[in-house]
Protein backbone atom coordinates (compact mmCIF):
# COMPACT_ATOMS: atom_id res chain seq x y z
CA MET A 1 71.17 112.97 111.12
CA SER A 2 67.75 114.45 111.86
CA GLY A 3 67.08 116.70 114.81
CA THR A 4 65.51 119.81 116.26
CA PHE A 5 67.41 123.04 116.74
CA HIS A 6 66.12 125.33 119.47
CA HIS A 7 66.13 129.01 118.53
CA ASP A 8 64.52 131.21 121.17
CA VAL A 9 61.06 129.70 121.60
CA ARG A 10 61.11 128.20 118.09
CA GLN A 11 62.04 124.61 117.33
CA ILE A 12 63.57 124.20 113.88
CA ALA A 13 63.52 120.74 112.31
CA TYR A 14 66.58 119.83 110.28
CA ASP A 15 68.50 117.05 108.54
CA GLN A 16 72.27 117.28 108.47
CA THR A 17 74.89 115.28 106.60
CA GLU A 18 78.46 115.28 107.89
CA GLY A 19 81.24 115.81 105.39
CA ASP A 20 83.90 118.08 103.98
CA GLY A 21 83.54 121.78 103.42
CA PRO A 22 82.59 124.17 102.24
CA GLY A 23 79.25 123.02 103.54
CA VAL A 24 76.06 123.39 101.54
CA VAL A 25 72.84 124.72 103.06
CA PHE A 26 69.53 124.43 101.22
CA MET A 27 66.83 127.01 101.95
CA GLY A 28 63.37 126.38 100.59
CA GLY A 29 60.58 128.61 99.43
CA PHE A 30 57.40 130.15 100.78
CA GLN A 31 55.22 127.48 102.41
CA SER A 32 57.56 124.70 101.24
CA ASP A 33 59.59 122.31 103.39
CA LYS A 34 62.87 120.44 103.60
CA GLU A 35 61.44 117.31 101.96
CA GLY A 36 61.21 118.85 98.48
CA THR A 37 62.76 117.32 95.38
CA LYS A 38 65.61 119.83 95.10
CA ALA A 39 66.60 119.53 98.76
CA LEU A 40 66.63 115.73 98.68
CA ASP A 41 68.53 115.62 95.40
CA LEU A 42 71.23 117.92 96.78
CA GLU A 43 71.42 115.82 99.92
CA ALA A 44 72.00 112.72 97.76
CA TRP A 45 74.74 114.62 95.90
CA ALA A 46 76.36 115.61 99.21
CA LYS A 47 76.38 112.01 100.44
CA GLU A 48 77.82 110.78 97.14
CA ASN A 49 80.62 113.34 97.37
CA GLY A 50 81.33 113.35 101.10
CA ARG A 51 80.16 116.93 101.52
CA ALA A 52 78.60 118.58 104.54
CA PHE A 53 74.94 119.44 103.91
CA LEU A 54 72.07 120.94 105.86
CA ARG A 55 68.37 121.31 105.05
CA PHE A 56 65.77 122.64 107.47
CA ASP A 57 62.24 123.96 107.88
CA TYR A 58 61.64 127.59 108.77
CA SER A 59 59.34 128.12 111.75
CA GLY A 60 55.73 127.56 110.72
CA HIS A 61 56.88 125.32 107.87
CA GLY A 62 57.08 121.55 107.59
CA GLN A 63 58.06 119.87 110.86
CA SER A 64 59.17 123.02 112.69
CA SER A 65 57.15 124.65 115.43
CA GLY A 66 55.07 127.78 115.02
CA ASP A 67 52.11 129.04 113.05
CA PHE A 68 52.87 129.86 109.41
CA LEU A 69 50.41 132.76 109.46
CA GLU A 70 52.29 134.43 112.30
CA GLY A 71 55.62 134.36 110.47
CA ALA A 72 57.35 136.84 108.19
CA ILE A 73 60.54 137.16 106.16
CA GLY A 74 62.57 138.45 109.09
CA ASP A 75 61.56 135.54 111.31
CA TRP A 76 62.57 133.00 108.70
CA ALA A 77 65.84 134.80 107.99
CA GLU A 78 66.57 134.72 111.73
CA ASP A 79 65.84 130.97 111.75
CA ALA A 80 68.30 130.47 108.89
CA ALA A 81 71.03 132.59 110.47
CA ALA A 82 70.65 130.87 113.84
CA ILE A 83 70.75 127.32 112.55
CA ILE A 84 73.69 128.02 110.23
CA SER A 85 75.62 129.63 113.09
CA GLY A 86 74.66 126.86 115.50
CA LEU A 87 75.12 123.73 113.41
CA THR A 88 77.71 124.37 110.70
CA ARG A 89 81.46 124.88 110.73
CA GLY A 90 83.43 127.09 108.39
CA ARG A 91 82.10 128.90 105.37
CA GLN A 92 78.94 127.71 103.67
CA ILE A 93 77.47 127.72 100.16
CA LEU A 94 73.85 128.80 100.40
CA VAL A 95 71.38 127.35 97.91
CA GLY A 96 68.18 129.38 98.05
CA SER A 97 65.00 128.47 96.16
CA SER A 98 62.39 131.18 95.49
CA MET A 99 61.84 132.89 98.87
CA GLY A 100 64.94 131.02 100.04
CA GLY A 101 66.86 133.07 97.48
CA TRP A 102 65.69 136.28 99.15
CA ILE A 103 66.66 134.92 102.55
CA ALA A 104 70.06 133.85 101.21
CA LEU A 105 70.60 137.40 99.92
CA LEU A 106 69.68 138.78 103.34
CA LEU A 107 72.28 136.52 104.95
CA ALA A 108 74.82 137.52 102.31
CA ARG A 109 74.26 141.12 103.36
CA GLU A 110 74.23 140.48 107.10
CA MET A 111 76.87 137.76 107.56
CA PRO A 112 79.02 137.70 104.39
CA GLN A 113 81.99 136.24 106.27
CA THR A 114 80.00 133.00 106.65
CA LEU A 115 79.40 132.52 102.94
CA ALA A 116 81.74 130.72 100.54
CA GLY A 117 79.31 131.09 97.66
CA LEU A 118 75.71 131.40 96.60
CA VAL A 119 73.36 129.55 94.25
CA THR A 120 69.80 130.79 93.79
CA ILE A 121 66.96 129.01 92.01
CA ALA A 122 64.16 131.28 90.81
CA ALA A 123 65.15 133.79 93.48
CA ALA A 124 62.25 135.97 94.62
CA PRO A 125 63.81 138.99 96.35
CA ASP A 126 61.32 141.52 97.75
CA PHE A 127 58.36 139.45 96.49
CA THR A 128 56.05 140.62 99.27
CA GLU A 129 56.36 144.19 98.02
CA ASP A 130 57.00 143.79 94.28
CA GLY A 131 55.11 140.56 93.69
CA TYR A 132 52.10 140.91 95.99
CA TRP A 133 51.52 144.47 97.21
CA ALA A 134 52.40 146.07 93.87
CA THR A 135 49.86 143.89 92.04
CA PHE A 136 46.99 144.13 94.56
CA ASP A 137 44.09 146.29 93.43
CA ASP A 138 42.44 148.79 95.75
CA SER A 139 39.84 146.29 97.01
CA GLN A 140 42.51 143.71 97.85
CA LYS A 141 44.60 146.30 99.66
CA ALA A 142 41.53 147.41 101.61
CA GLU A 143 40.69 143.81 102.53
CA LEU A 144 44.24 143.20 103.71
CA GLU A 145 44.14 146.32 105.86
CA ARG A 146 40.66 145.53 107.19
CA GLU A 147 40.93 141.76 107.77
CA GLY A 148 44.66 141.45 108.36
CA GLN A 149 45.00 138.82 105.65
CA ILE A 150 43.91 137.90 102.14
CA ALA A 151 43.61 134.53 100.37
CA LEU A 152 45.20 134.09 96.94
CA PRO A 153 44.92 131.02 94.69
CA SER A 154 47.98 128.81 94.37
CA GLU A 155 48.84 126.87 91.23
CA TYR A 156 50.95 124.49 93.31
CA SER A 157 48.35 123.48 95.90
CA ASP A 158 44.60 123.11 96.39
CA GLU A 159 44.99 125.34 99.42
CA PRO A 160 45.24 129.10 98.80
CA TYR A 161 48.16 131.22 99.85
CA ILE A 162 47.20 133.31 102.88
CA ILE A 163 49.02 136.64 102.73
CA THR A 164 49.01 138.50 106.02
CA ARG A 165 49.36 142.21 106.64
CA ARG A 166 52.36 141.46 108.86
CA LEU A 167 54.07 139.56 106.02
CA ILE A 168 53.75 142.64 103.80
CA GLU A 169 54.65 145.22 106.42
CA GLU A 170 57.56 143.29 107.94
CA GLY A 171 58.84 142.45 104.46
CA ARG A 172 59.30 146.17 103.81
CA THR A 173 62.04 146.17 106.46
CA ARG A 174 63.92 143.33 104.69
CA LEU A 175 64.08 144.55 101.09
CA VAL A 176 67.35 143.90 99.25
CA MET A 177 66.70 145.46 95.84
CA ARG A 178 66.63 149.09 96.99
CA ASP A 179 70.12 149.37 98.45
CA PRO A 180 73.57 148.15 97.38
CA LEU A 181 73.85 144.35 97.35
CA PRO A 182 77.49 143.21 97.31
CA LEU A 183 78.06 139.48 96.72
CA PRO A 184 81.83 139.09 97.13
CA PHE A 185 81.94 135.34 96.41
CA PRO A 186 81.09 133.01 93.50
CA THR A 187 77.38 133.43 92.72
CA ARG A 188 75.13 131.56 90.30
CA PHE A 189 71.53 132.58 89.60
CA LEU A 190 69.34 129.92 87.93
CA GLN A 191 65.99 130.78 86.34
CA GLY A 192 63.42 129.05 84.13
CA THR A 193 61.86 130.95 81.24
CA ASP A 194 58.41 129.37 81.84
CA ASP A 195 58.33 130.36 85.50
CA THR A 196 54.96 132.02 86.16
CA ALA A 197 55.81 132.92 89.77
CA VAL A 198 59.16 134.67 89.20
CA SER A 199 59.82 136.37 85.88
CA THR A 200 63.03 136.38 83.90
CA GLU A 201 62.88 140.16 84.29
CA THR A 202 63.22 139.67 88.06
CA ALA A 203 66.27 137.47 87.48
CA THR A 204 67.97 139.96 85.16
CA ARG A 205 67.13 142.83 87.50
CA LEU A 206 68.83 140.94 90.35
CA LEU A 207 71.90 140.31 88.18
CA ASP A 208 72.07 143.99 87.25
CA HIS A 209 71.50 145.17 90.82
CA ALA A 210 73.98 142.98 92.70
CA THR A 211 77.70 143.57 92.54
CA GLY A 212 80.43 140.97 92.75
CA PRO A 213 83.52 139.58 91.01
CA ASP A 214 82.00 136.27 89.87
CA MET A 215 78.27 136.33 89.07
CA ARG A 216 76.42 134.47 86.33
CA LEU A 217 72.76 134.07 85.42
CA THR A 218 71.64 130.91 83.61
CA LEU A 219 68.23 130.88 81.92
CA VAL A 220 66.75 127.46 81.20
CA LYS A 221 64.28 127.56 78.32
CA GLY A 222 60.99 125.88 79.25
CA ALA A 223 61.76 125.35 82.94
CA ASP A 224 59.02 126.32 85.40
CA HIS A 225 59.13 127.54 88.99
CA ARG A 226 59.62 124.06 90.42
CA PHE A 227 62.92 123.75 88.50
CA SER A 228 62.93 120.06 89.41
CA ASN A 229 63.13 118.01 86.23
CA PRO A 230 66.28 115.89 85.76
CA ASP A 231 68.09 118.53 83.66
CA CYS A 232 67.33 121.26 86.20
CA LEU A 233 68.46 119.10 89.12
CA ALA A 234 71.69 118.32 87.26
CA LEU A 235 72.24 122.04 86.68
CA ILE A 236 71.78 122.78 90.38
CA ARG A 237 74.37 120.12 91.25
CA GLN A 238 76.73 121.45 88.58
CA SER A 239 76.34 125.00 89.86
CA VAL A 240 77.09 123.98 93.44
CA GLU A 241 80.15 122.06 92.27
CA GLU A 242 81.39 125.05 90.23
CA VAL A 243 80.89 127.45 93.12
CA SER A 244 82.67 124.99 95.42
CA LEU A 245 85.73 124.77 93.18
CA ARG A 246 85.93 128.54 92.79
CA ALA A 247 85.49 129.07 96.53
CA LEU A 248 88.30 126.62 97.32
CA ARG A 249 90.63 128.45 94.91
CA ALA A 250 89.87 131.83 96.46
């Protein structure tokens, strides 16, 4: 079922599959949408297995309303929290890709009672601060302050990434790697070793920083940031299935 979820003045486009729980919610990355390979593959898995599944576009992304350049991490986390609260029943397994991993970690911190488990794919926690701001030189920082935005090349699109001052400044209020990060449910972190957007060091730092009774990090040699070849897609499915079984036993 496709539809539009109304959250304040924002209209969030979604596709939802009815089925058994715990439900699975896919959360995409920065400037991506709900029609990506990983989201559609997980939806196919959910239909094959009679599982509840939800994929959606953050505001300013894909088919949802809003201007991407006006958005920030907090807005997109609010979108995710609202649509999960409004459309799902019972506890959910969050599957967060790249920025979606950061947002999933925010929800794990803010509404842990809603989560049955967590799977992240090339999670990018705090990337606005540690990935962008920390690597900007003085001229880039000055341009961002002066112009309110800066254009960066993207290896995944002909269009550059536009990084706004608000994205950086608002992101500083949503950081998850500076304070305790309890994950009291089955958690699987997946990471490719050839990922040029998120390093394996970021993945191991997240594993070391978070606390929880059942956490594992899997490194896939040669996998890139897309993490979408057949072996990677199979590993995502396997991880969701493993987390589901462990959540049901808890």
